[in-house]
Amino acid sequence: MPLRVATTTPGPPGPDQLKMIGEKCLAFVRENATAADPKSIIEAIDTFGYEHHWMMNVGDIKGELVDQEIAKVKPKVRDQAK
């Protein structure tokens, strides 16, 4: 995957702006992602954050690092449904 650089300016949004950003992101995901495809949805969220409005999320680059670290420790997950 090529290195991606955000083209948006970071900054803490106010409460009203935060709601608006979330609504715009949701609309972008609905227009650009494949329904019921988690990978496509996450990619659309990342693209929105890189190209349309800065967002605080793990993203594709840090997410891969987190996945690698989790794989190293091989955590045991209990079944909470019992």
PDB file of N, CA and C in Angstrom:
ATOM      1  N   MET A   1       0.855  -1.181   0.000  1.00  0.00           N
ATOM      2  CA  MET A   1       0.000   0.000   0.000  1.00  0.00           C
ATOM      3  C   MET A   1       0.894   1.235   0.000  1.00  0.00           C
ATOM      4  N   PRO A   2       0.646   2.192  -0.908  1.00  0.00           N
ATOM      5  CA  PRO A   2       1.457   3.406  -0.925  1.00  0.00           C
ATOM      6  C   PRO A   2       1.178   4.262   0.301  1.00  0.00           C
ATOM      7  N   LEU A   3       2.198   4.990   0.733  1.00  0.00           N
ATOM      8  CA  LEU A   3       2.056   5.885   1.876  1.00  0.00           C
ATOM      9  C   LEU A   3       1.048   6.968   1.543  1.00  0.00           C
ATOM     10  N   ARG A   4       0.130   7.204   2.476  1.00  0.00           N
ATOM     11  CA  ARG A   4      -0.883   8.236   2.267  1.00  0.00           C
ATOM     12  C   ARG A   4      -0.636   9.366   3.241  1.00  0.00           C
ATOM     13  N   VAL A   5      -0.840  10.578   2.790  1.00  0.00           N
ATOM     14  CA  VAL A   5      -0.666  11.756   3.623  1.00  0.00           C
ATOM     15  C   VAL A   5      -1.978  12.524   3.621  1.00  0.00           C
ATOM     16  N   ALA A   6      -2.407  12.917   4.816  1.00  0.00           N
ATOM     17  CA  ALA A   6      -3.655  13.668   4.923  1.00  0.00           C
ATOM     18  C   ALA A   6      -3.528  15.004   4.205  1.00  0.00           C
ATOM     19  N   THR A   7      -4.556  15.367   3.484  1.00  0.00           N
ATOM     20  CA  THR A   7      -4.582  16.651   2.789  1.00  0.00           C
ATOM     21  C   THR A   7      -5.488  17.639   3.508  1.00  0.00           C
ATOM     22  N   THR A   8      -5.914  17.263   4.704  1.00  0.00           N
ATOM     23  CA  THR A   8      -6.798  18.124   5.482  1.00  0.00           C
ATOM     24  C   THR A   8      -6.046  18.645   6.695  1.00  0.00           C
ATOM     25  N   THR A   9      -6.519  19.740   7.250  1.00  0.00           N
ATOM     26  CA  THR A   9      -5.875  20.357   8.395  1.00  0.00           C
ATOM     27  C   THR A   9      -6.477  19.835   9.691  1.00  0.00           C
ATOM     28  N   PRO A  10      -5.628  19.310  10.600  1.00  0.00           N
ATOM     29  CA  PRO A  10      -6.172  18.818  11.864  1.00  0.00           C
ATOM     30  C   PRO A  10      -6.581  19.962  12.781  1.00  0.00           C
ATOM     31  N   GLY A  11      -7.427  19.657  13.692  1.00  0.00           N
ATOM     32  CA  GLY A  11      -7.850  20.621  14.685  1.00  0.00           C
ATOM     33  C   GLY A  11      -9.060  20.107  15.417  1.00  0.00           C
ATOM     34  N   PRO A  12      -9.159  20.428  16.695  1.00  0.00           N
ATOM     35  CA  PRO A  12     -10.312  19.935  17.455  1.00  0.00           C
ATOM     36  C   PRO A  12     -11.590  20.672  17.063  1.00  0.00           C
ATOM     37  N   PRO A  13     -12.577  19.950  16.557  1.00  0.00           N
ATOM     38  CA  PRO A  13     -13.839  20.599  16.187  1.00  0.00           C
ATOM     39  C   PRO A  13     -14.727  20.825  17.404  1.00  0.00           C
ATOM     40  N   GLY A  14     -15.600  21.802  17.300  1.00  0.00           N
ATOM     41  CA  GLY A  14     -16.593  22.021  18.340  1.00  0.00           C
ATOM     42  C   GLY A  14     -17.713  20.997  18.220  1.00  0.00           C
ATOM     43  N   PRO A  15     -18.613  20.933  19.210  1.00  0.00           N
ATOM     44  CA  PRO A  15     -19.673  19.919  19.209  1.00  0.00           C
ATOM     45  C   PRO A  15     -20.553  19.938  17.959  1.00  0.00           C
ATOM     46  N   ASP A  16     -20.949  21.120  17.503  1.00  0.00           N
ATOM     47  CA  ASP A  16     -21.797  21.199  16.308  1.00  0.00           C
ATOM     48  C   ASP A  16     -21.042  20.739  15.067  1.00  0.00           C
ATOM     49  N   GLN A  17     -19.783  21.141  14.974  1.00  0.00           N
ATOM     50  CA  GLN A  17     -18.970  20.749  13.829  1.00  0.00           C
ATOM     51  C   GLN A  17     -18.703  19.243  13.857  1.00  0.00           C
ATOM     52  N   LEU A  18     -18.506  18.687  15.046  1.00  0.00           N
ATOM     53  CA  LEU A  18     -18.264  17.255  15.182  1.00  0.00           C
ATOM     54  C   LEU A  18     -19.440  16.450  14.631  1.00  0.00           C
ATOM     55  N   LYS A  19     -20.657  16.885  14.946  1.00  0.00           N
ATOM     56  CA  LYS A  19     -21.851  16.202  14.436  1.00  0.00           C
ATOM     57  C   LYS A  19     -21.909  16.293  12.913  1.00  0.00           C
ATOM     58  N   MET A  20     -21.608  17.469  12.387  1.00  0.00           N
ATOM     59  CA  MET A  20     -21.633  17.672  10.940  1.00  0.00           C
ATOM     60  C   MET A  20     -20.596  16.789  10.249  1.00  0.00           C
ATOM     61  N   ILE A  21     -19.398  16.673  10.820  1.00  0.00           N
ATOM     62  CA  ILE A  21     -18.348  15.836  10.238  1.00  0.00           C
ATOM     63  C   ILE A  21     -18.803  14.379  10.214  1.00  0.00           C
ATOM     64  N   GLY A  22     -19.393  13.921  11.303  1.00  0.00           N
ATOM     65  CA  GLY A  22     -19.895  12.550  11.363  1.00  0.00           C
ATOM     66  C   GLY A  22     -20.951  12.280  10.310  1.00  0.00           C
ATOM     67  N   GLU A  23     -21.853  13.237  10.121  1.00  0.00           N
ATOM     68  CA  GLU A  23     -22.907  13.077   9.111  1.00  0.00           C
ATOM     69  C   GLU A  23     -22.323  13.055   7.700  1.00  0.00           C
ATOM     70  N   LYS A  24     -21.323  13.914   7.443  1.00  0.00           N
ATOM     71  CA  LYS A  24     -20.683  13.930   6.124  1.00  0.00           C
ATOM     72  C   LYS A  24     -19.914  12.636   5.877  1.00  0.00           C
ATOM     73  N   CYS A  25     -19.251  12.137   6.923  1.00  0.00           N
ATOM     74  CA  CYS A  25     -18.519  10.880   6.790  1.00  0.00           C
ATOM     75  C   CYS A  25     -19.483   9.735   6.486  1.00  0.00           C
ATOM     76  N   LEU A  26     -20.594   9.691   7.197  1.00  0.00           N
ATOM     77  CA  LEU A  26     -21.587   8.644   6.961  1.00  0.00           C
ATOM     78  C   LEU A  26     -22.111   8.702   5.526  1.00  0.00           C
ATOM     79  N   ALA A  27     -22.409   9.905   5.048  1.00  0.00           N
ATOM     80  CA  ALA A  27     -22.884  10.053   3.666  1.00  0.00           C
ATOM     81  C   ALA A  27     -21.814   9.584   2.679  1.00  0.00           C
ATOM     82  N   PHE A  28     -20.554   9.930   2.953  1.00  0.00           N
ATOM     83  CA  PHE A  28     -19.456   9.508   2.084  1.00  0.00           C
ATOM     84  C   PHE A  28     -19.340   7.985   2.057  1.00  0.00           C
ATOM     85  N   VAL A  29     -19.438   7.362   3.222  1.00  0.00           N
ATOM     86  CA  VAL A  29     -19.355   5.901   3.302  1.00  0.00           C
ATOM     87  C   VAL A  29     -20.507   5.266   2.533  1.00  0.00           C
ATOM     88  N   ARG A  30     -21.701   5.788   2.710  1.00  0.00           N
ATOM     89  CA  ARG A  30     -22.859   5.228   2.002  1.00  0.00           C
ATOM     90  C   ARG A  30     -22.700   5.337   0.484  1.00  0.00           C
ATOM     91  N   GLU A  31     -22.064   6.406   0.019  1.00  0.00           N
ATOM     92  CA  GLU A  31     -21.885   6.605  -1.420  1.00  0.00           C
ATOM     93  C   GLU A  31     -20.711   5.813  -1.991  1.00  0.00           C
ATOM     94  N   ASN A  32     -19.700   5.520  -1.166  1.00  0.00           N
ATOM     95  CA  ASN A  32     -18.452   4.983  -1.699  1.00  0.00           C
ATOM     96  C   ASN A  32     -18.083   3.577  -1.243  1.00  0.00           C
ATOM     97  N   ALA A  33     -18.713   3.077  -0.203  1.00  0.00           N
ATOM     98  CA  ALA A  33     -18.375   1.745   0.305  1.00  0.00           C
ATOM     99  C   ALA A  33     -19.375   0.712  -0.197  1.00  0.00           C
ATOM    100  N   THR A  34     -18.953  -0.531  -0.148  1.00  0.00           N
ATOM    101  CA  THR A  34     -19.835  -1.641  -0.485  1.00  0.00           C
ATOM    102  C   THR A  34     -20.576  -2.059   0.777  1.00  0.00           C
ATOM    103  N   ALA A  35     -21.897  -2.110   0.718  1.00  0.00           N
ATOM    104  CA  ALA A  35     -22.706  -2.478   1.886  1.00  0.00           C
ATOM    105  C   ALA A  35     -22.296  -3.851   2.408  1.00  0.00           C
ATOM    106  N   ALA A  36     -22.260  -3.984   3.720  1.00  0.00           N
ATOM    107  CA  ALA A  36     -21.954  -5.240   4.416  1.00  0.00           C
ATOM    108  C   ALA A  36     -20.535  -5.739   4.147  1.00  0.00           C
ATOM    109  N   ASP A  37     -19.639  -4.856   3.712  1.00  0.00           N
ATOM    110  CA  ASP A  37     -18.239  -5.212   3.478  1.00  0.00           C
ATOM    111  C   ASP A  37     -17.377  -4.374   4.421  1.00  0.00           C
ATOM    112  N   PRO A  38     -17.018  -4.923   5.595  1.00  0.00           N
ATOM    113  CA  PRO A  38     -16.281  -4.141   6.597  1.00  0.00           C
ATOM    114  C   PRO A  38     -15.006  -3.495   6.058  1.00  0.00           C
ATOM    115  N   LYS A  39     -14.237  -4.214   5.239  1.00  0.00           N
ATOM    116  CA  LYS A  39     -12.996  -3.650   4.701  1.00  0.00           C
ATOM    117  C   LYS A  39     -13.291  -2.429   3.834  1.00  0.00           C
ATOM    118  N   SER A  40     -14.306  -2.513   3.001  1.00  0.00           N
ATOM    119  CA  SER A  40     -14.689  -1.403   2.138  1.00  0.00           C
ATOM    120  C   SER A  40     -15.149  -0.199   2.965  1.00  0.00           C
ATOM    121  N   ILE A  41     -15.876  -0.460   4.021  1.00  0.00           N
ATOM    122  CA  ILE A  41     -16.372   0.611   4.892  1.00  0.00           C
ATOM    123  C   ILE A  41     -15.212   1.309   5.586  1.00  0.00           C
ATOM    124  N   ILE A  42     -14.268   0.527   6.125  1.00  0.00           N
ATOM    125  CA  ILE A  42     -13.108   1.117   6.801  1.00  0.00           C
ATOM    126  C   ILE A  42     -12.271   1.920   5.810  1.00  0.00           C
ATOM    127  N   GLU A  43     -12.078   1.400   4.605  1.00  0.00           N
ATOM    128  CA  GLU A  43     -11.323   2.131   3.582  1.00  0.00           C
ATOM    129  C   GLU A  43     -12.006   3.452   3.235  1.00  0.00           C
ATOM    130  N   ALA A  44     -13.331   3.459   3.161  1.00  0.00           N
ATOM    131  CA  ALA A  44     -14.059   4.694   2.861  1.00  0.00           C
ATOM    132  C   ALA A  44     -13.893   5.707   3.994  1.00  0.00           C
ATOM    133  N   ILE A  45     -13.940   5.246   5.237  1.00  0.00           N
ATOM    134  CA  ILE A  45     -13.734   6.148   6.377  1.00  0.00           C
ATOM    135  C   ILE A  45     -12.331   6.732   6.326  1.00  0.00           C
ATOM    136  N   ASP A  46     -11.324   5.891   6.065  1.00  0.00           N
ATOM    137  CA  ASP A  46      -9.950   6.381   5.967  1.00  0.00           C
ATOM    138  C   ASP A  46      -9.810   7.403   4.845  1.00  0.00           C
ATOM    139  N   THR A  47     -10.404   7.125   3.690  1.00  0.00           N
ATOM    140  CA  THR A  47     -10.334   8.060   2.567  1.00  0.00           C
ATOM    141  C   THR A  47     -10.990   9.384   2.926  1.00  0.00           C
ATOM    142  N   PHE A  48     -12.138   9.330   3.583  1.00  0.00           N
ATOM    143  CA  PHE A  48     -12.805  10.564   4.003  1.00  0.00           C
ATOM    144  C   PHE A  48     -11.877  11.376   4.902  1.00  0.00           C
ATOM    145  N   GLY A  49     -11.237  10.710   5.862  1.00  0.00           N
ATOM    146  CA  GLY A  49     -10.334  11.406   6.779  1.00  0.00           C
ATOM    147  C   GLY A  49      -9.110  11.982   6.092  1.00  0.00           C
ATOM    148  N   TYR A  50      -8.570  11.268   5.121  1.00  0.00           N
ATOM    149  CA  TYR A  50      -7.394  11.753   4.398  1.00  0.00           C
ATOM    150  C   TYR A  50      -7.734  12.881   3.432  1.00  0.00           C
ATOM    151  N   GLU A  51      -8.862  12.782   2.752  1.00  0.00           N
ATOM    152  CA  GLU A  51      -9.122  13.682   1.630  1.00  0.00           C
ATOM    153  C   GLU A  51     -10.190  14.745   1.860  1.00  0.00           C
ATOM    154  N   HIS A  52     -11.046  14.565   2.862  1.00  0.00           N
ATOM    155  CA  HIS A  52     -12.168  15.493   3.011  1.00  0.00           C
ATOM    156  C   HIS A  52     -12.181  16.236   4.341  1.00  0.00           C
ATOM    157  N   HIS A  53     -11.972  15.550   5.426  1.00  0.00           N
ATOM    158  CA  HIS A  53     -11.951  16.222   6.721  1.00  0.00           C
ATOM    159  C   HIS A  53     -11.160  15.398   7.706  1.00  0.00           C
ATOM    160  N   TRP A  54     -10.233  16.049   8.370  1.00  0.00           N
ATOM    161  CA  TRP A  54      -9.420  15.380   9.379  1.00  0.00           C
ATOM    162  C   TRP A  54     -10.318  14.721  10.415  1.00  0.00           C
ATOM    163  N   MET A  55      -9.959  13.487  10.771  1.00  0.00           N
ATOM    164  CA  MET A  55     -10.710  12.762  11.800  1.00  0.00           C
ATOM    165  C   MET A  55      -9.718  12.042  12.709  1.00  0.00           C
ATOM    166  N   MET A  56     -10.077  11.901  13.967  1.00  0.00           N
ATOM    167  CA  MET A  56      -9.239  11.165  14.910  1.00  0.00           C
ATOM    168  C   MET A  56      -9.688   9.711  14.886  1.00  0.00           C
ATOM    169  N   ASN A  57      -8.911   8.871  14.193  1.00  0.00           N
ATOM    170  CA  ASN A  57      -9.183   7.441  14.198  1.00  0.00           C
ATOM    171  C   ASN A  57      -7.871   6.692  14.005  1.00  0.00           C
ATOM    172  N   VAL A  58      -7.876   5.404  14.171  1.00  0.00           N
ATOM    173  CA  VAL A  58      -6.642   4.631  14.050  1.00  0.00           C
ATOM    174  C   VAL A  58      -6.116   4.679  12.622  1.00  0.00           C
ATOM    175  N   GLY A  59      -6.957   4.499  11.650  1.00  0.00           N
ATOM    176  CA  GLY A  59      -6.542   4.586  10.258  1.00  0.00           C
ATOM    177  C   GLY A  59      -5.804   3.363   9.763  1.00  0.00           C
ATOM    178  N   ASP A  60      -5.474   3.389   8.478  1.00  0.00           N
ATOM    179  CA  ASP A  60      -4.884   2.213   7.841  1.00  0.00           C
ATOM    180  C   ASP A  60      -3.438   1.960   8.244  1.00  0.00           C
ATOM    181  N   ILE A  61      -2.647   2.975   8.436  1.00  0.00           N
ATOM    182  CA  ILE A  61      -1.228   2.787   8.750  1.00  0.00           C
ATOM    183  C   ILE A  61      -1.039   2.321  10.190  1.00  0.00           C
ATOM    184  N   LYS A  62      -1.598   3.058  11.151  1.00  0.00           N
ATOM    185  CA  LYS A  62      -1.472   2.629  12.550  1.00  0.00           C
ATOM    186  C   LYS A  62      -2.246   1.346  12.807  1.00  0.00           C
ATOM    187  N   GLY A  63      -3.350   1.164  12.109  1.00  0.00           N
ATOM    188  CA  GLY A  63      -4.141  -0.053  12.287  1.00  0.00           C
ATOM    189  C   GLY A  63      -3.351  -1.301  11.953  1.00  0.00           C
ATOM    190  N   GLU A  64      -2.547  -1.234  10.903  1.00  0.00           N
ATOM    191  CA  GLU A  64      -1.709  -2.382  10.535  1.00  0.00           C
ATOM    192  C   GLU A  64      -0.684  -2.671  11.632  1.00  0.00           C
ATOM    193  N   LEU A  65      -0.118  -1.622  12.217  1.00  0.00           N
ATOM    194  CA  LEU A  65       0.842  -1.811  13.312  1.00  0.00           C
ATOM    195  C   LEU A  65       0.174  -2.443  14.528  1.00  0.00           C
ATOM    196  N   VAL A  66      -1.030  -1.983  14.847  1.00  0.00           N
ATOM    197  CA  VAL A  66      -1.774  -2.560  15.974  1.00  0.00           C
ATOM    198  C   VAL A  66      -2.071  -4.032  15.706  1.00  0.00           C
ATOM    199  N   ASP A  67      -2.503  -4.353  14.498  1.00  0.00           N
ATOM    200  CA  ASP A  67      -2.773  -5.752  14.137  1.00  0.00           C
ATOM    201  C   ASP A  67      -1.528  -6.616  14.310  1.00  0.00           C
ATOM    202  N   GLN A  68      -0.366  -6.099  13.903  1.00  0.00           N
ATOM    203  CA  GLN A  68       0.883  -6.855  14.035  1.00  0.00           C
ATOM    204  C   GLN A  68       1.225  -7.116  15.503  1.00  0.00           C
ATOM    205  N   GLU A  69       1.048  -6.105  16.345  1.00  0.00           N
ATOM    206  CA  GLU A  69       1.357  -6.268  17.768  1.00  0.00           C
ATOM    207  C   GLU A  69       0.403  -7.257  18.432  1.00  0.00           C
ATOM    208  N   ILE A  70      -0.857  -7.205  18.074  1.00  0.00           N
ATOM    209  CA  ILE A  70      -1.830  -8.160  18.628  1.00  0.00           C
ATOM    210  C   ILE A  70      -1.469  -9.577  18.199  1.00  0.00           C
ATOM    211  N   ALA A  71      -1.069  -9.731  16.950  1.00  0.00           N
ATOM    212  CA  ALA A  71      -0.684 -11.064  16.462  1.00  0.00           C
ATOM    213  C   ALA A  71       0.527 -11.605  17.217  1.00  0.00           C
ATOM    214  N   LYS A  72       1.444 -10.719  17.614  1.00  0.00           N
ATOM    215  CA  LYS A  72       2.640 -11.148  18.351  1.00  0.00           C
ATOM    216  C   LYS A  72       2.292 -11.740  19.708  1.00  0.00           C
ATOM    217  N   VAL A  73       1.345 -11.110  20.419  1.00  0.00           N
ATOM    218  CA  VAL A  73       1.027 -11.568  21.784  1.00  0.00           C
ATOM    219  C   VAL A  73      -0.031 -12.655  21.807  1.00  0.00           C
ATOM    220  N   LYS A  74      -0.706 -12.879  20.695  1.00  0.00           N
ATOM    221  CA  LYS A  74      -1.715 -13.935  20.582  1.00  0.00           C
ATOM    222  C   LYS A  74      -2.637 -13.972  21.811  1.00  0.00           C
ATOM    223  N   PRO A  75      -3.416 -12.924  22.013  1.00  0.00           N
ATOM    224  CA  PRO A  75      -4.269 -12.870  23.208  1.00  0.00           C
ATOM    225  C   PRO A  75      -5.340 -13.955  23.206  1.00  0.00           C
ATOM    226  N   LYS A  76      -5.676 -14.393  24.395  1.00  0.00           N
ATOM    227  CA  LYS A  76      -6.768 -15.352  24.548  1.00  0.00           C
ATOM    228  C   LYS A  76      -8.034 -14.549  24.786  1.00  0.00           C
ATOM    229  N   VAL A  77      -9.054 -14.840  24.038  1.00  0.00           N
ATOM    230  CA  VAL A  77     -10.317 -14.115  24.145  1.00  0.00           C
ATOM    231  C   VAL A  77     -11.366 -15.066  24.686  1.00  0.00           C
ATOM    232  N   ARG A  78     -12.003 -14.635  25.770  1.00  0.00           N
ATOM    233  CA  ARG A  78     -13.062 -15.466  26.354  1.00  0.00           C
ATOM    234  C   ARG A  78     -14.356 -15.232  25.617  1.00  0.00           C
ATOM    235  N   ASP A  79     -15.171 -16.257  25.552  1.00  0.00           N
ATOM    236  CA  ASP A  79     -16.491 -16.154  24.946  1.00  0.00           C
ATOM    237  C   ASP A  79     -17.419 -15.499  25.957  1.00  0.00           C
ATOM    238  N   GLN A  80     -17.817 -14.260  25.701  1.00  0.00           N
ATOM    239  CA  GLN A  80     -18.665 -13.508  26.627  1.00  0.00           C
ATOM    240  C   GLN A  80     -20.125 -13.932  26.549  1.00  0.00           C
ATOM    241  N   ALA A  81     -20.491 -14.740  25.560  1.00  0.00           N
ATOM    242  CA  ALA A  81     -21.890 -15.129  25.366  1.00  0.00           C
ATOM    243  C   ALA A  81     -22.352 -16.190  26.357  1.00  0.00           C
ATOM    244  N   LYS A  82     -21.428 -16.814  27.041  1.00  0.00           N
ATOM    245  CA  LYS A  82     -21.809 -17.897  27.964  1.00  0.00           C
ATOM    246  C   LYS A  82     -22.493 -17.370  29.202  1.00  0.00           C
TER     247      LYS A  82
END
